[in-house]
Amino acid sequence: MKKTIIILIACMLMVSGCGKTKNTVNSLDDLEGKTIGVQMKTTGDIYSSDIKDAQIKRFNRGEDAVKALRKGVVDAVMIDDEPAKVFVEKYEDVKILSEPYAEEEYGIAVNKEEQKLLRQIDQALDELKKEGTLDEIKKAWLQDGEKKTAYSPKSSKTGQTELIMATNAEFPPYESKDSSGEIVGIDVDMMKAVCDKLDRKLKITDTAFDSIVVNVERKMADAGVAAMTITEERKKYVDFSDSYMTATQVVIVRK
């Protein structure tokens, strides 16, 4: 009898998918009326808020939204494509919808009063693009599986002026913390290269994503760099450099 009960329980678990919530989002059209997880104040937050009858659950970290998806707390997660790829590789029970939601441009946020610095950053980015350095950094992280750094600073003079970069180290491969706690990623390597051009020393401060623009606006940081999409709303408070990356907003769902 005991053996029969055990077999019955096992069969019930198999039928129910061992408690896993079934996926209900198979296309972008299915997002209407669903519960969508987003990282707070990101463009995913903005876009999903426009979806008819959608309920938005906001998280401090993109990975927390993905974990909520896996538990069935939300029906989908809207996030940038490269972090999405990292999370899908990490968790085998989620996938990315084949249809992208939107395309966007990333820029470096600078205080509106710091026009000289903005021009210097734009010039540095232009040189890094022409030299191929920016492409090399992107390729290392996006294609070659870099985990530590793809750029070593060439300048190490003492007494260099610091350039304080505000970021949110929860957005791999653009910025995240390695096993030693150091912040690494595409944006970090790019800013190291920019600082070489400006003869400045990079200092990174980690903060909540929705605090980055505030930090730059209040001059608590010289630049905000966190895979940040250039939007009209953000341009009310800060200015942006030329775009350094084109990205896609995608939707993660359960398999």
C-alpha atoms as a PDB file:
ATOM      1  CA  MET A   1       0.000   0.000   0.000  1.00  0.00           C
ATOM      2  CA  LYS A   2       2.794   2.414   0.923  1.00  0.00           C
ATOM      3  CA  LYS A   3       4.539   1.700  -2.374  1.00  0.00           C
ATOM      4  CA  THR A   4       1.289   2.387  -4.280  1.00  0.00           C
ATOM      5  CA  ILE A   5       0.873   5.777  -2.559  1.00  0.00           C
ATOM      6  CA  ILE A   6       4.436   6.758  -3.458  1.00  0.00           C
ATOM      7  CA  ILE A   7       3.840   5.818  -7.109  1.00  0.00           C
ATOM      8  CA  LEU A   8       0.578   7.799  -7.141  1.00  0.00           C
ATOM      9  CA  ILE A   9       2.306  10.904  -5.750  1.00  0.00           C
ATOM     10  CA  ALA A  10       5.089  10.566  -8.316  1.00  0.00           C
ATOM     11  CA  CYS A  11       2.550  10.337 -11.147  1.00  0.00           C
ATOM     12  CA  MET A  12       0.679  13.391  -9.881  1.00  0.00           C
ATOM     13  CA  LEU A  13       3.896  15.397  -9.777  1.00  0.00           C
ATOM     14  CA  MET A  14       4.713  14.379 -13.345  1.00  0.00           C
ATOM     15  CA  VAL A  15       1.286  15.453 -14.565  1.00  0.00           C
ATOM     16  CA  SER A  16       1.450  18.781 -12.742  1.00  0.00           C
ATOM     17  CA  GLY A  17       4.979  19.505 -13.942  1.00  0.00           C
ATOM     18  CA  CYS A  18       6.307  19.217 -10.376  1.00  0.00           C
ATOM     19  CA  GLY A  19       4.616  22.470  -9.377  1.00  0.00           C
ATOM     20  CA  LYS A  20       6.028  24.531 -12.268  1.00  0.00           C
ATOM     21  CA  THR A  21       3.741  27.249 -13.617  1.00  0.00           C
ATOM     22  CA  LYS A  22       2.880  26.834 -17.275  1.00  0.00           C
ATOM     23  CA  ASN A  23       4.091  29.482 -19.711  1.00  0.00           C
ATOM     24  CA  THR A  24       1.268  31.656 -21.095  1.00  0.00           C
ATOM     25  CA  VAL A  25       3.338  34.093 -23.192  1.00  0.00           C
ATOM     26  CA  ASN A  26       4.345  32.771 -26.612  1.00  0.00           C
ATOM     27  CA  SER A  27       4.401  36.059 -28.524  1.00  0.00           C
ATOM     28  CA  LEU A  28       4.398  39.804 -27.856  1.00  0.00           C
ATOM     29  CA  ASP A  29       0.624  39.831 -28.418  1.00  0.00           C
ATOM     30  CA  ASP A  30       0.242  37.576 -25.366  1.00  0.00           C
ATOM     31  CA  LEU A  31       1.659  40.257 -23.040  1.00  0.00           C
ATOM     32  CA  GLU A  32      -1.686  42.072 -22.858  1.00  0.00           C
ATOM     33  CA  GLY A  33      -3.184  41.632 -19.392  1.00  0.00           C
ATOM     34  CA  LYS A  34      -0.170  39.697 -18.077  1.00  0.00           C
ATOM     35  CA  THR A  35       2.072  40.330 -15.072  1.00  0.00           C
ATOM     36  CA  ILE A  36       5.459  41.566 -16.293  1.00  0.00           C
ATOM     37  CA  GLY A  37       8.639  41.745 -14.230  1.00  0.00           C
ATOM     38  CA  VAL A  38      11.106  44.577 -14.858  1.00  0.00           C
ATOM     39  CA  GLN A  39      14.141  46.202 -13.301  1.00  0.00           C
ATOM     40  CA  MET A  40      12.952  49.455 -11.736  1.00  0.00           C
ATOM     41  CA  LYS A  41      13.264  52.641 -13.838  1.00  0.00           C
ATOM     42  CA  THR A  42      14.742  50.855 -16.862  1.00  0.00           C
ATOM     43  CA  THR A  43      13.335  51.165 -20.381  1.00  0.00           C
ATOM     44  CA  GLY A  44      11.789  47.740 -19.819  1.00  0.00           C
ATOM     45  CA  ASP A  45       9.797  49.408 -17.044  1.00  0.00           C
ATOM     46  CA  ILE A  46       8.769  52.208 -19.409  1.00  0.00           C
ATOM     47  CA  TYR A  47       7.802  49.971 -22.338  1.00  0.00           C
ATOM     48  CA  SER A  48       5.875  47.401 -20.314  1.00  0.00           C
ATOM     49  CA  SER A  49       3.884  50.138 -18.580  1.00  0.00           C
ATOM     50  CA  ASP A  50       2.328  50.943 -21.973  1.00  0.00           C
ATOM     51  CA  ILE A  51       1.011  47.405 -22.529  1.00  0.00           C
ATOM     52  CA  LYS A  52      -2.760  47.214 -22.197  1.00  0.00           C
ATOM     53  CA  ASP A  53      -3.994  45.874 -18.846  1.00  0.00           C
ATOM     54  CA  ALA A  54      -0.503  44.634 -17.913  1.00  0.00           C
ATOM     55  CA  GLN A  55       0.439  44.518 -14.243  1.00  0.00           C
ATOM     56  CA  ILE A  56       4.036  45.585 -13.626  1.00  0.00           C
ATOM     57  CA  LYS A  57       6.154  44.138 -10.825  1.00  0.00           C
ATOM     58  CA  ARG A  58       9.329  46.142 -10.273  1.00  0.00           C
ATOM     59  CA  PHE A  59      12.590  44.720  -8.917  1.00  0.00           C
ATOM     60  CA  ASN A  60      15.909  46.318  -7.944  1.00  0.00           C
ATOM     61  CA  ARG A  61      17.787  43.754 -10.037  1.00  0.00           C
ATOM     62  CA  GLY A  62      17.025  42.183 -13.388  1.00  0.00           C
ATOM     63  CA  GLU A  63      18.009  38.780 -12.046  1.00  0.00           C
ATOM     64  CA  ASP A  64      15.418  39.104  -9.264  1.00  0.00           C
ATOM     65  CA  ALA A  65      12.753  39.584 -11.939  1.00  0.00           C
ATOM     66  CA  VAL A  66      13.962  36.431 -13.714  1.00  0.00           C
ATOM     67  CA  LYS A  67      13.851  34.470 -10.453  1.00  0.00           C
ATOM     68  CA  ALA A  68      10.267  35.658  -9.948  1.00  0.00           C
ATOM     69  CA  LEU A  69       9.461  34.444 -13.463  1.00  0.00           C
ATOM     70  CA  ARG A  70      10.851  30.991 -12.663  1.00  0.00           C
ATOM     71  CA  LYS A  71       8.667  30.818  -9.538  1.00  0.00           C
ATOM     72  CA  GLY A  72       5.526  31.835 -11.429  1.00  0.00           C
ATOM     73  CA  VAL A  73       5.220  35.209  -9.689  1.00  0.00           C
ATOM     74  CA  VAL A  74       5.310  37.007 -13.066  1.00  0.00           C
ATOM     75  CA  ASP A  75       4.393  35.823 -16.566  1.00  0.00           C
ATOM     76  CA  ALA A  76       7.304  37.462 -18.402  1.00  0.00           C
ATOM     77  CA  VAL A  77      10.330  39.706 -17.929  1.00  0.00           C
ATOM     78  CA  MET A  78      11.218  42.629 -20.199  1.00  0.00           C
ATOM     79  CA  ILE A  79      14.929  43.459 -20.280  1.00  0.00           C
ATOM     80  CA  ASP A  80      17.844  44.310 -22.603  1.00  0.00           C
ATOM     81  CA  ASP A  81      19.020  41.543 -24.914  1.00  0.00           C
ATOM     82  CA  GLU A  82      22.566  40.936 -23.667  1.00  0.00           C
ATOM     83  CA  PRO A  83      21.670  40.596 -19.960  1.00  0.00           C
ATOM     84  CA  ALA A  84      18.767  38.411 -21.098  1.00  0.00           C
ATOM     85  CA  LYS A  85      21.238  36.061 -22.819  1.00  0.00           C
ATOM     86  CA  VAL A  86      23.287  35.829 -19.617  1.00  0.00           C
ATOM     87  CA  PHE A  87      20.231  34.904 -17.531  1.00  0.00           C
ATOM     88  CA  VAL A  88      18.953  32.371 -20.082  1.00  0.00           C
ATOM     89  CA  GLU A  89      22.360  30.702 -20.107  1.00  0.00           C
ATOM     90  CA  LYS A  90      22.334  30.584 -16.308  1.00  0.00           C
ATOM     91  CA  TYR A  91      18.767  29.269 -15.909  1.00  0.00           C
ATOM     92  CA  GLU A  92      17.757  26.410 -18.193  1.00  0.00           C
ATOM     93  CA  ASP A  93      14.004  26.769 -17.579  1.00  0.00           C
ATOM     94  CA  VAL A  94      13.617  30.189 -19.261  1.00  0.00           C
ATOM     95  CA  LYS A  95      13.969  31.402 -22.841  1.00  0.00           C
ATOM     96  CA  ILE A  96      13.859  34.605 -24.923  1.00  0.00           C
ATOM     97  CA  LEU A  97      10.990  35.225 -27.323  1.00  0.00           C
ATOM     98  CA  SER A  98      12.274  35.324 -30.892  1.00  0.00           C
ATOM     99  CA  GLU A  99      10.495  38.614 -31.618  1.00  0.00           C
ATOM    100  CA  PRO A 100      12.289  41.695 -30.154  1.00  0.00           C
ATOM    101  CA  TYR A 101      10.165  44.360 -28.472  1.00  0.00           C
ATOM    102  CA  ALA A 102      12.134  47.527 -29.326  1.00  0.00           C
ATOM    103  CA  GLU A 103      15.537  48.838 -30.399  1.00  0.00           C
ATOM    104  CA  GLU A 104      17.401  51.458 -28.382  1.00  0.00           C
ATOM    105  CA  GLU A 105      20.669  53.400 -28.126  1.00  0.00           C
ATOM    106  CA  TYR A 106      22.967  53.541 -25.079  1.00  0.00           C
ATOM    107  CA  GLY A 107      24.765  56.732 -24.073  1.00  0.00           C
ATOM    108  CA  ILE A 108      26.908  58.174 -21.278  1.00  0.00           C
ATOM    109  CA  ALA A 109      25.009  60.568 -18.993  1.00  0.00           C
ATOM    110  CA  VAL A 110      26.745  63.847 -18.075  1.00  0.00           C
ATOM    111  CA  ASN A 111      25.613  66.845 -16.017  1.00  0.00           C
ATOM    112  CA  LYS A 112      24.054  69.556 -18.199  1.00  0.00           C
ATOM    113  CA  GLU A 113      26.571  72.128 -16.930  1.00  0.00           C
ATOM    114  CA  GLU A 114      29.558  69.972 -17.945  1.00  0.00           C
ATOM    115  CA  GLN A 115      29.527  70.622 -21.692  1.00  0.00           C
ATOM    116  CA  LYS A 116      33.320  70.575 -21.956  1.00  0.00           C
ATOM    117  CA  LEU A 117      33.443  67.092 -20.438  1.00  0.00           C
ATOM    118  CA  LEU A 118      30.641  65.963 -22.758  1.00  0.00           C
ATOM    119  CA  ARG A 119      32.599  67.142 -25.817  1.00  0.00           C
ATOM    120  CA  GLN A 120      35.738  65.384 -24.532  1.00  0.00           C
ATOM    121  CA  ILE A 121      33.832  62.114 -24.013  1.00  0.00           C
ATOM    122  CA  ASP A 122      32.294  62.343 -27.491  1.00  0.00           C
ATOM    123  CA  GLN A 123      35.722  62.927 -29.019  1.00  0.00           C
ATOM    124  CA  ALA A 124      37.193  60.002 -27.056  1.00  0.00           C
ATOM    125  CA  LEU A 125      34.345  57.700 -28.164  1.00  0.00           C
ATOM    126  CA  ASP A 126      34.831  58.770 -31.780  1.00  0.00           C
ATOM    127  CA  GLU A 127      38.547  57.946 -31.604  1.00  0.00           C
ATOM    128  CA  LEU A 128      37.885  54.588 -29.910  1.00  0.00           C
ATOM    129  CA  LYS A 129      35.378  53.710 -32.641  1.00  0.00           C
ATOM    130  CA  LYS A 130      37.767  54.671 -35.458  1.00  0.00           C
ATOM    131  CA  GLU A 131      40.682  52.786 -33.861  1.00  0.00           C
ATOM    132  CA  GLY A 132      38.549  49.675 -33.441  1.00  0.00           C
ATOM    133  CA  THR A 133      39.101  49.617 -29.654  1.00  0.00           C
ATOM    134  CA  LEU A 134      35.403  49.859 -28.845  1.00  0.00           C
ATOM    135  CA  ASP A 135      34.587  46.993 -31.220  1.00  0.00           C
ATOM    136  CA  GLU A 136      37.348  44.883 -29.662  1.00  0.00           C
ATOM    137  CA  ILE A 137      35.893  45.444 -26.171  1.00  0.00           C
ATOM    138  CA  LYS A 138      32.375  44.540 -27.335  1.00  0.00           C
ATOM    139  CA  LYS A 139      33.586  41.422 -29.163  1.00  0.00           C
ATOM    140  CA  ALA A 140      35.572  40.209 -26.157  1.00  0.00           C
ATOM    141  CA  TRP A 141      32.525  40.329 -23.880  1.00  0.00           C
ATOM    142  CA  LEU A 142      29.719  39.484 -26.299  1.00  0.00           C
ATOM    143  CA  GLN A 143      31.383  36.851 -28.476  1.00  0.00           C
ATOM    144  CA  ASP A 144      34.556  35.600 -26.810  1.00  0.00           C
ATOM    145  CA  GLY A 145      33.115  35.071 -23.331  1.00  0.00           C
ATOM    146  CA  GLU A 146      35.312  37.552 -21.461  1.00  0.00           C
ATOM    147  CA  LYS A 147      34.692  37.555 -17.690  1.00  0.00           C
ATOM    148  CA  LYS A 148      37.333  39.886 -16.231  1.00  0.00           C
ATOM    149  CA  THR A 149      38.555  42.666 -18.519  1.00  0.00           C
ATOM    150  CA  ALA A 150      39.161  43.334 -22.192  1.00  0.00           C
ATOM    151  CA  TYR A 151      41.129  46.557 -21.696  1.00  0.00           C
ATOM    152  CA  SER A 152      44.146  47.481 -19.619  1.00  0.00           C
ATOM    153  CA  PRO A 153      44.633  51.214 -18.888  1.00  0.00           C
ATOM    154  CA  LYS A 154      47.697  52.598 -20.651  1.00  0.00           C
ATOM    155  CA  SER A 155      48.127  55.609 -18.410  1.00  0.00           C
ATOM    156  CA  SER A 156      49.156  55.277 -14.768  1.00  0.00           C
ATOM    157  CA  LYS A 157      50.433  58.713 -13.843  1.00  0.00           C
ATOM    158  CA  THR A 158      50.202  59.722 -10.209  1.00  0.00           C
ATOM    159  CA  GLY A 159      48.040  62.710  -9.453  1.00  0.00           C
ATOM    160  CA  GLN A 160      45.616  62.119 -12.305  1.00  0.00           C
ATOM    161  CA  THR A 161      42.198  63.729 -11.884  1.00  0.00           C
ATOM    162  CA  GLU A 162      39.536  61.137 -11.119  1.00  0.00           C
ATOM    163  CA  LEU A 163      36.511  60.637 -13.295  1.00  0.00           C
ATOM    164  CA  ILE A 164      33.721  59.245 -11.119  1.00  0.00           C
ATOM    165  CA  MET A 165      31.432  56.844 -12.937  1.00  0.00           C
ATOM    166  CA  ALA A 166      28.103  55.957 -11.336  1.00  0.00           C
ATOM    167  CA  THR A 167      26.756  52.562 -12.342  1.00  0.00           C
ATOM    168  CA  ASN A 168      24.569  49.684 -11.198  1.00  0.00           C
ATOM    169  CA  ALA A 169      26.636  46.496 -11.154  1.00  0.00           C
ATOM    170  CA  GLU A 170      23.679  44.176 -11.801  1.00  0.00           C
ATOM    171  CA  PHE A 171      23.580  44.179 -15.590  1.00  0.00           C
ATOM    172  CA  PRO A 172      26.018  41.655 -17.103  1.00  0.00           C
ATOM    173  CA  PRO A 173      27.862  41.773 -19.435  1.00  0.00           C
ATOM    174  CA  TYR A 174      27.818  45.588 -19.254  1.00  0.00           C
ATOM    175  CA  GLU A 175      28.553  45.793 -15.526  1.00  0.00           C
ATOM    176  CA  SER A 176      28.594  43.200 -12.779  1.00  0.00           C
ATOM    177  CA  LYS A 177      30.828  42.065  -9.921  1.00  0.00           C
ATOM    178  CA  ASP A 178      33.341  39.269 -10.383  1.00  0.00           C
ATOM    179  CA  SER A 179      34.181  36.690  -7.717  1.00  0.00           C
ATOM    180  CA  SER A 180      36.483  39.165  -5.964  1.00  0.00           C
ATOM    181  CA  GLY A 181      33.833  41.892  -5.859  1.00  0.00           C
ATOM    182  CA  GLU A 182      35.453  44.038  -8.543  1.00  0.00           C
ATOM    183  CA  ILE A 183      33.070  45.711 -11.013  1.00  0.00           C
ATOM    184  CA  VAL A 184      33.772  44.524 -14.546  1.00  0.00           C
ATOM    185  CA  GLY A 185      32.099  44.602 -17.950  1.00  0.00           C
ATOM    186  CA  ILE A 186      31.781  46.348 -21.297  1.00  0.00           C
ATOM    187  CA  ASP A 187      30.957  49.747 -19.799  1.00  0.00           C
ATOM    188  CA  VAL A 188      33.867  49.532 -17.352  1.00  0.00           C
ATOM    189  CA  ASP A 189      36.392  48.681 -20.079  1.00  0.00           C
ATOM    190  CA  MET A 190      34.985  51.377 -22.347  1.00  0.00           C
ATOM    191  CA  MET A 191      35.305  54.006 -19.620  1.00  0.00           C
ATOM    192  CA  LYS A 192      38.864  52.895 -18.848  1.00  0.00           C
ATOM    193  CA  ALA A 193      39.665  53.569 -22.494  1.00  0.00           C
ATOM    194  CA  VAL A 194      37.827  56.907 -22.419  1.00  0.00           C
ATOM    195  CA  CYS A 195      39.773  57.930 -19.310  1.00  0.00           C
ATOM    196  CA  ASP A 196      43.045  57.076 -21.081  1.00  0.00           C
ATOM    197  CA  LYS A 197      42.062  59.528 -23.815  1.00  0.00           C
ATOM    198  CA  LEU A 198      41.168  62.172 -21.223  1.00  0.00           C
ATOM    199  CA  ASP A 199      44.270  61.503 -19.076  1.00  0.00           C
ATOM    200  CA  ARG A 200      42.052  60.784 -16.090  1.00  0.00           C
ATOM    201  CA  LYS A 201      41.735  57.933 -13.612  1.00  0.00           C
ATOM    202  CA  LEU A 202      38.491  55.984 -13.474  1.00  0.00           C
ATOM    203  CA  LYS A 203      36.691  55.602 -10.141  1.00  0.00           C
ATOM    204  CA  ILE A 204      33.469  53.563 -10.047  1.00  0.00           C
ATOM    205  CA  THR A 205      30.606  53.915  -7.591  1.00  0.00           C
ATOM    206  CA  ASP A 206      27.889  51.261  -7.444  1.00  0.00           C
ATOM    207  CA  THR A 207      24.364  52.481  -6.773  1.00  0.00           C
ATOM    208  CA  ALA A 208      20.738  51.643  -7.536  1.00  0.00           C
ATOM    209  CA  PHE A 209      19.895  52.065 -11.211  1.00  0.00           C
ATOM    210  CA  ASP A 210      17.243  54.690 -10.534  1.00  0.00           C
ATOM    211  CA  SER A 211      19.806  56.768  -8.575  1.00  0.00           C
ATOM    212  CA  ILE A 212      22.347  57.099 -11.401  1.00  0.00           C
ATOM    213  CA  VAL A 213      20.755  60.048 -13.200  1.00  0.00           C
ATOM    214  CA  VAL A 214      20.160  61.769  -9.840  1.00  0.00           C
ATOM    215  CA  ASN A 215      23.841  61.314  -8.902  1.00  0.00           C
ATOM    216  CA  VAL A 216      24.963  62.878 -12.174  1.00  0.00           C
ATOM    217  CA  GLU A 217      22.413  65.706 -11.953  1.00  0.00           C
ATOM    218  CA  ARG A 218      23.597  66.529  -8.406  1.00  0.00           C
ATOM    219  CA  LYS A 219      27.277  66.255  -9.431  1.00  0.00           C
ATOM    220  CA  MET A 220      27.903  63.332  -7.120  1.00  0.00           C
ATOM    221  CA  ALA A 221      29.334  61.591 -10.189  1.00  0.00           C
ATOM    222  CA  ASP A 222      30.930  62.873 -13.399  1.00  0.00           C
ATOM    223  CA  ALA A 223      29.226  60.327 -15.633  1.00  0.00           C
ATOM    224  CA  GLY A 224      26.457  57.770 -15.477  1.00  0.00           C
ATOM    225  CA  VAL A 225      27.265  54.593 -17.393  1.00  0.00           C
ATOM    226  CA  ALA A 226      25.026  51.553 -17.020  1.00  0.00           C
ATOM    227  CA  ALA A 227      23.804  50.381 -20.425  1.00  0.00           C
ATOM    228  CA  MET A 228      21.532  53.406 -20.149  1.00  0.00           C
ATOM    229  CA  THR A 229      19.148  54.081 -22.990  1.00  0.00           C
ATOM    230  CA  ILE A 230      18.986  57.633 -24.283  1.00  0.00           C
ATOM    231  CA  THR A 231      15.405  58.777 -23.680  1.00  0.00           C
ATOM    232  CA  GLU A 232      13.630  62.129 -23.818  1.00  0.00           C
ATOM    233  CA  GLU A 233      12.585  61.765 -20.181  1.00  0.00           C
ATOM    234  CA  ARG A 234      16.184  61.290 -18.975  1.00  0.00           C
ATOM    235  CA  LYS A 235      17.378  64.158 -21.187  1.00  0.00           C
ATOM    236  CA  LYS A 236      15.296  66.511 -19.052  1.00  0.00           C
ATOM    237  CA  TYR A 237      17.815  65.992 -16.237  1.00  0.00           C
ATOM    238  CA  VAL A 238      21.134  65.090 -17.908  1.00  0.00           C
ATOM    239  CA  ASP A 239      22.786  65.295 -21.319  1.00  0.00           C
ATOM    240  CA  PHE A 240      23.981  62.225 -23.193  1.00  0.00           C
ATOM    241  CA  SER A 241      27.070  61.433 -25.208  1.00  0.00           C
ATOM    242  CA  ASP A 242      26.854  60.046 -28.713  1.00  0.00           C
ATOM    243  CA  SER A 243      25.526  56.503 -28.768  1.00  0.00           C
ATOM    244  CA  TYR A 244      28.125  53.802 -28.119  1.00  0.00           C
ATOM    245  CA  MET A 245      25.855  50.751 -28.428  1.00  0.00           C
ATOM    246  CA  THR A 246      22.649  49.710 -30.162  1.00  0.00           C
ATOM    247  CA  ALA A 247      20.648  47.216 -28.122  1.00  0.00           C
ATOM    248  CA  THR A 248      17.316  45.418 -28.260  1.00  0.00           C
ATOM    249  CA  GLN A 249      14.611  45.150 -25.630  1.00  0.00           C
ATOM    250  CA  VAL A 250      13.435  41.517 -25.360  1.00  0.00           C
ATOM    251  CA  VAL A 251      11.012  39.376 -23.390  1.00  0.00           C
ATOM    252  CA  ILE A 252      12.019  36.363 -21.270  1.00  0.00           C
ATOM    253  CA  VAL A 253       9.403  33.673 -20.563  1.00  0.00           C
ATOM    254  CA  ARG A 254       9.335  30.212 -19.001  1.00  0.00           C
ATOM    255  CA  LYS A 255      10.077  27.277 -21.286  1.00  0.00           C
END
